[in-house]
Amino acid sequence: MTTIGKGAIWQGVRWYLRELTGESQYERYLERHANEHPGTAPLSRREFERRRIDAKDATPGSRCC
C-alpha cells in the first residue's frame, strides 16, 4: 500500500473544486482560442464569465432559480 502525500491530496481536492465550480473553463477556453483563432485577442476573464453565466441563465434546466 502506498502513502499519498498531503500535497497530492490537496492538488486533487483543488482540481475537483475548480472543475465543479467551472473555474478551469477559462484556461481551457484560452488554449482552444489560441489554437483555433491565432492572432486574435481572446475574451477577458470578465467577459468570458459574463457570457458563460448568461448562457446558463438562458437555459436553466433543472435549477430552481
PDB file of N, CA and C in Angstrom:
ATOM      1  N   MET A   1       0.848  -1.169   0.000  1.00  0.00           N
ATOM      2  CA  MET A   1       0.000   0.000   0.000  1.00  0.00           C
ATOM      3  C   MET A   1       0.900   1.240   0.000  1.00  0.00           C
ATOM      4  N   THR A   2       0.567   2.228  -0.830  1.00  0.00           N
ATOM      5  CA  THR A   2       1.378   3.434  -0.893  1.00  0.00           C
ATOM      6  C   THR A   2       0.710   4.560  -0.115  1.00  0.00           C
ATOM      7  N   THR A   3       1.539   5.455   0.332  1.00  0.00           N
ATOM      8  CA  THR A   3       1.041   6.603   1.071  1.00  0.00           C
ATOM      9  C   THR A   3       0.982   7.801   0.134  1.00  0.00           C
ATOM     10  N   ILE A   4      -0.145   8.462   0.120  1.00  0.00           N
ATOM     11  CA  ILE A   4      -0.301   9.665  -0.694  1.00  0.00           C
ATOM     12  C   ILE A   4       0.042  10.864   0.177  1.00  0.00           C
ATOM     13  N   GLY A   5       0.907  11.739  -0.340  1.00  0.00           N
ATOM     14  CA  GLY A   5       1.306  12.911   0.424  1.00  0.00           C
ATOM     15  C   GLY A   5       0.199  13.941   0.511  1.00  0.00           C
ATOM     16  N   LYS A   6       0.337  14.820   1.479  1.00  0.00           N
ATOM     17  CA  LYS A   6      -0.656  15.880   1.658  1.00  0.00           C
ATOM     18  C   LYS A   6      -0.732  16.779   0.432  1.00  0.00           C
ATOM     19  N   GLY A   7       0.405  16.999  -0.224  1.00  0.00           N
ATOM     20  CA  GLY A   7       0.422  17.830  -1.427  1.00  0.00           C
ATOM     21  C   GLY A   7      -0.415  17.226  -2.537  1.00  0.00           C
ATOM     22  N   ALA A   8      -0.315  15.917  -2.712  1.00  0.00           N
ATOM     23  CA  ALA A   8      -1.088  15.242  -3.760  1.00  0.00           C
ATOM     24  C   ALA A   8      -2.580  15.279  -3.450  1.00  0.00           C
ATOM     25  N   ILE A   9      -2.909  15.136  -2.181  1.00  0.00           N
ATOM     26  CA  ILE A   9      -4.323  15.194  -1.797  1.00  0.00           C
ATOM     27  C   ILE A   9      -4.862  16.595  -2.052  1.00  0.00           C
ATOM     28  N   TRP A  10      -4.106  17.611  -1.646  1.00  0.00           N
ATOM     29  CA  TRP A  10      -4.528  18.992  -1.850  1.00  0.00           C
ATOM     30  C   TRP A  10      -4.701  19.283  -3.336  1.00  0.00           C
ATOM     31  N   GLN A  11      -3.793  18.818  -4.177  1.00  0.00           N
ATOM     32  CA  GLN A  11      -3.912  19.041  -5.622  1.00  0.00           C
ATOM     33  C   GLN A  11      -5.178  18.394  -6.163  1.00  0.00           C
ATOM     34  N   GLY A  12      -5.498  17.203  -5.688  1.00  0.00           N
ATOM     35  CA  GLY A  12      -6.708  16.530  -6.131  1.00  0.00           C
ATOM     36  C   GLY A  12      -7.966  17.268  -5.704  1.00  0.00           C
ATOM     37  N   VAL A  13      -7.979  17.740  -4.473  1.00  0.00           N
ATOM     38  CA  VAL A  13      -9.136  18.500  -3.979  1.00  0.00           C
ATOM     39  C   VAL A  13      -9.272  19.802  -4.752  1.00  0.00           C
ATOM     40  N   ARG A  14      -8.157  20.473  -4.969  1.00  0.00           N
ATOM     41  CA  ARG A  14      -8.178  21.738  -5.715  1.00  0.00           C
ATOM     42  C   ARG A  14      -8.685  21.515  -7.144  1.00  0.00           C
ATOM     43  N   TRP A  15      -8.188  20.478  -7.815  1.00  0.00           N
ATOM     44  CA  TRP A  15      -8.636  20.172  -9.170  1.00  0.00           C
ATOM     45  C   TRP A  15     -10.148  19.916  -9.176  1.00  0.00           C
ATOM     46  N   TYR A  16     -10.617  19.115  -8.235  1.00  0.00           N
ATOM     47  CA  TYR A  16     -12.037  18.776  -8.178  1.00  0.00           C
ATOM     48  C   TYR A  16     -12.901  20.020  -7.984  1.00  0.00           C
ATOM     49  N   LEU A  17     -12.510  20.882  -7.063  1.00  0.00           N
ATOM     50  CA  LEU A  17     -13.295  22.087  -6.804  1.00  0.00           C
ATOM     51  C   LEU A  17     -13.281  23.039  -7.997  1.00  0.00           C
ATOM     52  N   ARG A  18     -12.138  23.160  -8.666  1.00  0.00           N
ATOM     53  CA  ARG A  18     -12.074  24.020  -9.867  1.00  0.00           C
ATOM     54  C   ARG A  18     -12.969  23.487 -10.978  1.00  0.00           C
ATOM     55  N   GLU A  19     -13.004  22.179 -11.147  1.00  0.00           N
ATOM     56  CA  GLU A  19     -13.879  21.588 -12.161  1.00  0.00           C
ATOM     57  C   GLU A  19     -15.346  21.738 -11.769  1.00  0.00           C
ATOM     58  N   LEU A  20     -15.642  21.527 -10.509  1.00  0.00           N
ATOM     59  CA  LEU A  20     -17.019  21.604 -10.013  1.00  0.00           C
ATOM     60  C   LEU A  20     -17.593  23.010 -10.169  1.00  0.00           C
ATOM     61  N   THR A  21     -16.792  24.022  -9.885  1.00  0.00           N
ATOM     62  CA  THR A  21     -17.272  25.401  -9.937  1.00  0.00           C
ATOM     63  C   THR A  21     -17.144  26.035 -11.322  1.00  0.00           C
ATOM     64  N   GLY A  22     -16.415  25.397 -12.236  1.00  0.00           N
ATOM     65  CA  GLY A  22     -16.249  25.950 -13.576  1.00  0.00           C
ATOM     66  C   GLY A  22     -15.078  26.905 -13.700  1.00  0.00           C
ATOM     67  N   GLU A  23     -14.289  27.025 -12.654  1.00  0.00           N
ATOM     68  CA  GLU A  23     -13.171  27.962 -12.670  1.00  0.00           C
ATOM     69  C   GLU A  23     -12.142  27.616 -13.741  1.00  0.00           C
ATOM     70  N   SER A  24     -11.958  26.353 -14.041  1.00  0.00           N
ATOM     71  CA  SER A  24     -10.941  25.943 -15.007  1.00  0.00           C
ATOM     72  C   SER A  24     -11.393  26.116 -16.455  1.00  0.00           C
ATOM     73  N   GLN A  25     -12.639  26.477 -16.679  1.00  0.00           N
ATOM     74  CA  GLN A  25     -13.136  26.637 -18.047  1.00  0.00           C
ATOM     75  C   GLN A  25     -12.423  27.755 -18.799  1.00  0.00           C
ATOM     76  N   TYR A  26     -12.047  28.819 -18.109  1.00  0.00           N
ATOM     77  CA  TYR A  26     -11.371  29.923 -18.790  1.00  0.00           C
ATOM     78  C   TYR A  26     -10.019  29.494 -19.333  1.00  0.00           C
ATOM     79  N   GLU A  27      -9.261  28.707 -18.569  1.00  0.00           N
ATOM     80  CA  GLU A  27      -7.974  28.223 -19.059  1.00  0.00           C
ATOM     81  C   GLU A  27      -8.148  27.341 -20.296  1.00  0.00           C
ATOM     82  N   ARG A  28      -9.172  26.482 -20.279  1.00  0.00           N
ATOM     83  CA  ARG A  28      -9.446  25.653 -21.458  1.00  0.00           C
ATOM     84  C   ARG A  28      -9.858  26.511 -22.650  1.00  0.00           C
ATOM     85  N   TYR A  29     -10.641  27.549 -22.389  1.00  0.00           N
ATOM     86  CA  TYR A  29     -11.039  28.474 -23.449  1.00  0.00           C
ATOM     87  C   TYR A  29      -9.809  29.143 -24.066  1.00  0.00           C
ATOM     88  N   LEU A  30      -8.885  29.617 -23.226  1.00  0.00           N
ATOM     89  CA  LEU A  30      -7.682  30.272 -23.747  1.00  0.00           C
ATOM     90  C   LEU A  30      -6.865  29.332 -24.624  1.00  0.00           C
ATOM     91  N   GLU A  31      -6.713  28.079 -24.205  1.00  0.00           N
ATOM     92  CA  GLU A  31      -5.977  27.103 -25.017  1.00  0.00           C
ATOM     93  C   GLU A  31      -6.658  26.877 -26.356  1.00  0.00           C
ATOM     94  N   ARG A  32      -7.968  26.668 -26.319  1.00  0.00           N
ATOM     95  CA  ARG A  32      -8.707  26.424 -27.555  1.00  0.00           C
ATOM     96  C   ARG A  32      -8.676  27.652 -28.460  1.00  0.00           C
ATOM     97  N   HIS A  33      -8.829  28.836 -27.887  1.00  0.00           N
ATOM     98  CA  HIS A  33      -8.815  30.068 -28.676  1.00  0.00           C
ATOM     99  C   HIS A  33      -7.466  30.254 -29.366  1.00  0.00           C
ATOM    100  N   ALA A  34      -6.387  29.986 -28.649  1.00  0.00           N
ATOM    101  CA  ALA A  34      -5.051  30.133 -29.235  1.00  0.00           C
ATOM    102  C   ALA A  34      -4.855  29.185 -30.417  1.00  0.00           C
ATOM    103  N   ASN A  35      -5.428  27.980 -30.337  1.00  0.00           N
ATOM    104  CA  ASN A  35      -5.289  27.011 -31.422  1.00  0.00           C
ATOM    105  C   ASN A  35      -6.206  27.309 -32.594  1.00  0.00           C
ATOM    106  N   GLU A  36      -7.415  27.737 -32.328  1.00  0.00           N
ATOM    107  CA  GLU A  36      -8.403  27.925 -33.399  1.00  0.00           C
ATOM    108  C   GLU A  36      -8.423  29.331 -33.980  1.00  0.00           C
ATOM    109  N   HIS A  37      -7.970  30.324 -33.222  1.00  0.00           N
ATOM    110  CA  HIS A  37      -8.020  31.716 -33.673  1.00  0.00           C
ATOM    111  C   HIS A  37      -6.699  32.432 -33.392  1.00  0.00           C
ATOM    112  N   PRO A  38      -5.604  31.931 -33.936  1.00  0.00           N
ATOM    113  CA  PRO A  38      -4.318  32.591 -33.666  1.00  0.00           C
ATOM    114  C   PRO A  38      -4.325  34.021 -34.211  1.00  0.00           C
ATOM    115  N   GLY A  39      -3.711  34.916 -33.468  1.00  0.00           N
ATOM    116  CA  GLY A  39      -3.619  36.298 -33.921  1.00  0.00           C
ATOM    117  C   GLY A  39      -4.782  37.174 -33.492  1.00  0.00           C
ATOM    118  N   THR A  40      -5.814  36.600 -32.879  1.00  0.00           N
ATOM    119  CA  THR A  40      -6.935  37.408 -32.395  1.00  0.00           C
ATOM    120  C   THR A  40      -6.935  37.387 -30.874  1.00  0.00           C
ATOM    121  N   ALA A  41      -7.392  38.482 -30.315  1.00  0.00           N
ATOM    122  CA  ALA A  41      -7.397  38.586 -28.851  1.00  0.00           C
ATOM    123  C   ALA A  41      -8.548  37.769 -28.258  1.00  0.00           C
ATOM    124  N   PRO A  42      -8.283  37.012 -27.209  1.00  0.00           N
ATOM    125  CA  PRO A  42      -9.362  36.270 -26.543  1.00  0.00           C
ATOM    126  C   PRO A  42     -10.197  37.215 -25.685  1.00  0.00           C
ATOM    127  N   LEU A  43     -11.343  36.732 -25.255  1.00  0.00           N
ATOM    128  CA  LEU A  43     -12.163  37.497 -24.331  1.00  0.00           C
ATOM    129  C   LEU A  43     -11.428  37.672 -23.012  1.00  0.00           C
ATOM    130  N   SER A  44     -11.712  38.757 -22.334  1.00  0.00           N
ATOM    131  CA  SER A  44     -11.157  38.919 -20.990  1.00  0.00           C
ATOM    132  C   SER A  44     -11.848  37.919 -20.073  1.00  0.00           C
ATOM    133  N   ARG A  45     -11.252  37.683 -18.937  1.00  0.00           N
ATOM    134  CA  ARG A  45     -11.859  36.757 -17.969  1.00  0.00           C
ATOM    135  C   ARG A  45     -13.266  37.227 -17.597  1.00  0.00           C
ATOM    136  N   ARG A  46     -13.409  38.516 -17.400  1.00  0.00           N
ATOM    137  CA  ARG A  46     -14.702  39.085 -17.020  1.00  0.00           C
ATOM    138  C   ARG A  46     -15.751  38.854 -18.111  1.00  0.00           C
ATOM    139  N   GLU A  47     -15.398  39.142 -19.361  1.00  0.00           N
ATOM    140  CA  GLU A  47     -16.347  38.948 -20.466  1.00  0.00           C
ATOM    141  C   GLU A  47     -16.677  37.462 -20.660  1.00  0.00           C
ATOM    142  N   PHE A  48     -15.676  36.615 -20.525  1.00  0.00           N
ATOM    143  CA  PHE A  48     -15.902  35.178 -20.640  1.00  0.00           C
ATOM    144  C   PHE A  48     -16.905  34.707 -19.591  1.00  0.00           C
ATOM    145  N   GLU A  49     -16.684  35.112 -18.341  1.00  0.00           N
ATOM    146  CA  GLU A  49     -17.583  34.707 -17.260  1.00  0.00           C
ATOM    147  C   GLU A  49     -18.981  35.277 -17.462  1.00  0.00           C
ATOM    148  N   ARG A  50     -19.079  36.521 -17.918  1.00  0.00           N
ATOM    149  CA  ARG A  50     -20.385  37.128 -18.172  1.00  0.00           C
ATOM    150  C   ARG A  50     -21.157  36.318 -19.214  1.00  0.00           C
ATOM    151  N   ARG A  51     -20.496  35.963 -20.299  1.00  0.00           N
ATOM    152  CA  ARG A  51     -21.157  35.163 -21.351  1.00  0.00           C
ATOM    153  C   ARG A  51     -21.515  33.769 -20.862  1.00  0.00           C
ATOM    154  N   ARG A  52     -20.647  33.181 -20.057  1.00  0.00           N
ATOM    155  CA  ARG A  52     -20.915  31.843 -19.519  1.00  0.00           C
ATOM    156  C   ARG A  52     -22.136  31.866 -18.605  1.00  0.00           C
ATOM    157  N   ILE A  53     -22.220  32.858 -17.747  1.00  0.00           N
ATOM    158  CA  ILE A  53     -23.357  32.970 -16.833  1.00  0.00           C
ATOM    159  C   ILE A  53     -24.638  33.286 -17.596  1.00  0.00           C
ATOM    160  N   ASP A  54     -24.564  34.179 -18.581  1.00  0.00           N
ATOM    161  CA  ASP A  54     -25.742  34.499 -19.386  1.00  0.00           C
ATOM    162  C   ASP A  54     -26.269  33.273 -20.115  1.00  0.00           C
ATOM    163  N   ALA A  55     -25.360  32.445 -20.630  1.00  0.00           N
ATOM    164  CA  ALA A  55     -25.784  31.228 -21.334  1.00  0.00           C
ATOM    165  C   ALA A  55     -26.454  30.253 -20.369  1.00  0.00           C
ATOM    166  N   LYS A  56     -25.936  30.139 -19.148  1.00  0.00           N
ATOM    167  CA  LYS A  56     -26.557  29.262 -18.154  1.00  0.00           C
ATOM    168  C   LYS A  56     -27.928  29.787 -17.750  1.00  0.00           C
ATOM    169  N   ASP A  57     -28.075  31.109 -17.639  1.00  0.00           N
ATOM    170  CA  ASP A  57     -29.360  31.697 -17.260  1.00  0.00           C
ATOM    171  C   ASP A  57     -30.402  31.538 -18.361  1.00  0.00           C
ATOM    172  N   ALA A  58     -29.960  31.503 -19.606  1.00  0.00           N
ATOM    173  CA  ALA A  58     -30.896  31.374 -20.729  1.00  0.00           C
ATOM    174  C   ALA A  58     -31.515  29.980 -20.781  1.00  0.00           C
ATOM    175  N   THR A  59     -30.781  28.971 -20.304  1.00  0.00           N
ATOM    176  CA  THR A  59     -31.291  27.597 -20.287  1.00  0.00           C
ATOM    177  C   THR A  59     -31.118  27.025 -18.889  1.00  0.00           C
ATOM    178  N   PRO A  60     -32.020  27.328 -17.974  1.00  0.00           N
ATOM    179  CA  PRO A  60     -31.830  26.940 -16.575  1.00  0.00           C
ATOM    180  C   PRO A  60     -31.908  25.437 -16.310  1.00  0.00           C
ATOM    181  N   GLY A  61     -32.538  24.660 -17.158  1.00  0.00           N
ATOM    182  CA  GLY A  61     -32.608  23.220 -16.924  1.00  0.00           C
ATOM    183  C   GLY A  61     -33.362  22.911 -15.652  1.00  0.00           C
ATOM    184  N   SER A  62     -32.733  22.185 -14.744  1.00  0.00           N
ATOM    185  CA  SER A  62     -33.404  21.761 -13.525  1.00  0.00           C
ATOM    186  C   SER A  62     -33.157  22.695 -12.344  1.00  0.00           C
ATOM    187  N   ARG A  63     -32.523  23.831 -12.590  1.00  0.00           N
ATOM    188  CA  ARG A  63     -32.297  24.776 -11.495  1.00  0.00           C
ATOM    189  C   ARG A  63     -33.610  25.385 -11.043  1.00  0.00           C
ATOM    190  N   CYS A  64     -33.728  25.668  -9.780  1.00  0.00           N
ATOM    191  CA  CYS A  64     -34.980  26.209  -9.259  1.00  0.00           C
ATOM    192  C   CYS A  64     -35.054  27.734  -9.390  1.00  0.00           C
ATOM    193  N   CYS A  65     -33.914  28.439  -9.464  1.00  0.00           N
ATOM    194  CA  CYS A  65     -33.949  29.898  -9.503  1.00  0.00           C
ATOM    195  C   CYS A  65     -33.036  30.453 -10.589  1.00  0.00           C
TER     196      CYS A  65
END
